[in-house]
Amino acid sequence: MIPADRLTVRSQEALADAVERARRAGHPQVHDTHLLQALLAQADSIVTPILAKLGVALSALQEALAESEALAEALQEVIDIPSNAETNS
């Protein structure tokens, strides 16, 4: 794993945002979707122009990420997985 002090400031911000997104969702781990959402949310991110140049439909990607998050939350409720907040109490 790359030490945090070797990451750019923007990368550190994205990683911190991804961790916060995972925490808010009650996930004990940060997943690639959390990081991708954080990168897409950054103002003046280099990620969005690169994805657009590659032909990625950004709105469709963001919609798919939102659906993925909603599905994960629904599955958590159905199988009654305790959220991170519940396990740390």
C-alpha atoms as a PDB file:
ATOM      1  CA  MET A   1       0.000   0.000   0.000  1.00  0.00           C
ATOM      2  CA  ILE A   2       1.213   3.488  -0.814  1.00  0.00           C
ATOM      3  CA  PRO A   3       1.947   5.588   2.283  1.00  0.00           C
ATOM      4  CA  ALA A   4      -0.457   8.543   2.566  1.00  0.00           C
ATOM      5  CA  ASP A   5       2.403  11.050   2.580  1.00  0.00           C
ATOM      6  CA  ARG A   6       3.345   9.879  -0.927  1.00  0.00           C
ATOM      7  CA  LEU A   7      -0.091  10.755  -2.338  1.00  0.00           C
ATOM      8  CA  THR A   8      -0.926  14.128  -3.829  1.00  0.00           C
ATOM      9  CA  VAL A   9      -3.117  16.461  -1.803  1.00  0.00           C
ATOM     10  CA  ARG A  10      -6.008  15.821  -4.201  1.00  0.00           C
ATOM     11  CA  SER A  11      -5.542  12.057  -3.851  1.00  0.00           C
ATOM     12  CA  GLN A  12      -5.513  12.343  -0.068  1.00  0.00           C
ATOM     13  CA  GLU A  13      -8.724  14.402  -0.221  1.00  0.00           C
ATOM     14  CA  ALA A  14     -10.398  11.833  -2.476  1.00  0.00           C
ATOM     15  CA  LEU A  15      -9.345   8.991  -0.214  1.00  0.00           C
ATOM     16  CA  ALA A  16     -10.627  10.817   2.877  1.00  0.00           C
ATOM     17  CA  ASP A  17     -13.921  11.484   1.085  1.00  0.00           C
ATOM     18  CA  ALA A  18     -14.177   7.807   0.091  1.00  0.00           C
ATOM     19  CA  VAL A  19     -13.620   6.747   3.704  1.00  0.00           C
ATOM     20  CA  GLU A  20     -16.325   9.186   4.830  1.00  0.00           C
ATOM     21  CA  ARG A  21     -18.730   7.908   2.163  1.00  0.00           C
ATOM     22  CA  ALA A  22     -18.169   4.326   3.317  1.00  0.00           C
ATOM     23  CA  ARG A  23     -18.644   5.330   6.959  1.00  0.00           C
ATOM     24  CA  ARG A  24     -21.894   7.204   6.214  1.00  0.00           C
ATOM     25  CA  ALA A  25     -23.184   4.163   4.342  1.00  0.00           C
ATOM     26  CA  GLY A  26     -22.353   1.937   7.307  1.00  0.00           C
ATOM     27  CA  HIS A  27     -19.745  -0.020   5.384  1.00  0.00           C
ATOM     28  CA  PRO A  28     -16.771  -1.293   7.354  1.00  0.00           C
ATOM     29  CA  GLN A  29     -14.549  -1.175   4.258  1.00  0.00           C
ATOM     30  CA  VAL A  30     -13.899   1.358   1.535  1.00  0.00           C
ATOM     31  CA  HIS A  31     -14.811  -0.075  -1.845  1.00  0.00           C
ATOM     32  CA  ASP A  32     -13.858   1.023  -5.325  1.00  0.00           C
ATOM     33  CA  THR A  33     -17.293   2.574  -5.769  1.00  0.00           C
ATOM     34  CA  HIS A  34     -16.715   4.857  -2.771  1.00  0.00           C
ATOM     35  CA  LEU A  35     -13.434   6.037  -4.262  1.00  0.00           C
ATOM     36  CA  LEU A  36     -14.918   6.503  -7.723  1.00  0.00           C
ATOM     37  CA  GLN A  37     -17.788   8.552  -6.289  1.00  0.00           C
ATOM     38  CA  ALA A  38     -15.269  10.685  -4.379  1.00  0.00           C
ATOM     39  CA  LEU A  39     -13.148  11.239  -7.486  1.00  0.00           C
ATOM     40  CA  LEU A  40     -16.173  12.187  -9.579  1.00  0.00           C
ATOM     41  CA  ALA A  41     -17.327  14.624  -6.886  1.00  0.00           C
ATOM     42  CA  GLN A  42     -14.045  16.555  -6.813  1.00  0.00           C
ATOM     43  CA  ALA A  43     -14.253  20.007  -8.339  1.00  0.00           C
ATOM     44  CA  ASP A  44     -11.880  20.396 -11.294  1.00  0.00           C
ATOM     45  CA  SER A  45     -11.029  16.699 -11.090  1.00  0.00           C
ATOM     46  CA  ILE A  46      -8.768  15.269 -13.759  1.00  0.00           C
ATOM     47  CA  VAL A  47     -10.791  12.054 -13.591  1.00  0.00           C
ATOM     48  CA  THR A  48     -13.953  13.368 -15.260  1.00  0.00           C
ATOM     49  CA  PRO A  49     -12.254  14.748 -18.397  1.00  0.00           C
ATOM     50  CA  ILE A  50     -10.243  11.545 -18.776  1.00  0.00           C
ATOM     51  CA  LEU A  51     -13.362   9.385 -18.504  1.00  0.00           C
ATOM     52  CA  ALA A  52     -15.224  11.673 -20.912  1.00  0.00           C
ATOM     53  CA  LYS A  53     -12.355  11.475 -23.416  1.00  0.00           C
ATOM     54  CA  LEU A  54     -12.545   7.680 -23.160  1.00  0.00           C
ATOM     55  CA  GLY A  55     -16.209   7.900 -24.106  1.00  0.00           C
ATOM     56  CA  VAL A  56     -17.684   7.196 -20.681  1.00  0.00           C
ATOM     57  CA  ALA A  57     -21.147   8.684 -20.237  1.00  0.00           C
ATOM     58  CA  LEU A  58     -20.573  10.411 -16.903  1.00  0.00           C
ATOM     59  CA  SER A  59     -24.247  10.852 -16.074  1.00  0.00           C
ATOM     60  CA  ALA A  60     -24.891   7.160 -16.730  1.00  0.00           C
ATOM     61  CA  LEU A  61     -21.883   6.239 -14.579  1.00  0.00           C
ATOM     62  CA  GLN A  62     -23.092   8.419 -11.708  1.00  0.00           C
ATOM     63  CA  GLU A  63     -26.574   6.946 -12.029  1.00  0.00           C
ATOM     64  CA  ALA A  64     -25.174   3.408 -11.971  1.00  0.00           C
ATOM     65  CA  LEU A  65     -23.122   4.238  -8.867  1.00  0.00           C
ATOM     66  CA  ALA A  66     -26.226   5.600  -7.128  1.00  0.00           C
ATOM     67  CA  GLU A  67     -28.168   2.457  -8.052  1.00  0.00           C
ATOM     68  CA  SER A  68     -25.304   0.309  -6.792  1.00  0.00           C
ATOM     69  CA  GLU A  69     -25.330   2.164  -3.476  1.00  0.00           C
ATOM     70  CA  ALA A  70     -29.102   1.798  -3.172  1.00  0.00           C
ATOM     71  CA  LEU A  71     -28.840  -1.929  -3.919  1.00  0.00           C
ATOM     72  CA  ALA A  72     -26.111  -2.366  -1.293  1.00  0.00           C
ATOM     73  CA  GLU A  73     -28.276  -0.599   1.285  1.00  0.00           C
ATOM     74  CA  ALA A  74     -31.298  -2.727   0.377  1.00  0.00           C
ATOM     75  CA  LEU A  75     -29.262  -5.923   0.655  1.00  0.00           C
ATOM     76  CA  GLN A  76     -27.928  -4.821   4.020  1.00  0.00           C
ATOM     77  CA  GLU A  77     -31.500  -4.412   5.277  1.00  0.00           C
ATOM     78  CA  VAL A  78     -32.708  -7.713   3.792  1.00  0.00           C
ATOM     79  CA  ILE A  79     -29.938  -9.840   5.233  1.00  0.00           C
ATOM     80  CA  ASP A  80     -29.761  -7.695   8.384  1.00  0.00           C
ATOM     81  CA  ILE A  81     -26.045  -6.977   8.349  1.00  0.00           C
ATOM     82  CA  PRO A  82     -25.239  -4.674  11.263  1.00  0.00           C
ATOM     83  CA  SER A  83     -23.918  -1.342  10.088  1.00  0.00           C
ATOM     84  CA  ASN A  84     -20.492  -0.121  11.075  1.00  0.00           C
ATOM     85  CA  ALA A  85     -22.074   2.246  13.615  1.00  0.00           C
ATOM     86  CA  GLU A  86     -23.900  -0.655  15.287  1.00  0.00           C
ATOM     87  CA  THR A  87     -20.812  -2.854  15.519  1.00  0.00           C
ATOM     88  CA  ASN A  88     -18.729  -0.071  17.104  1.00  0.00           C
ATOM     89  CA  SER A  89     -21.248   0.643  19.874  1.00  0.00           C
END
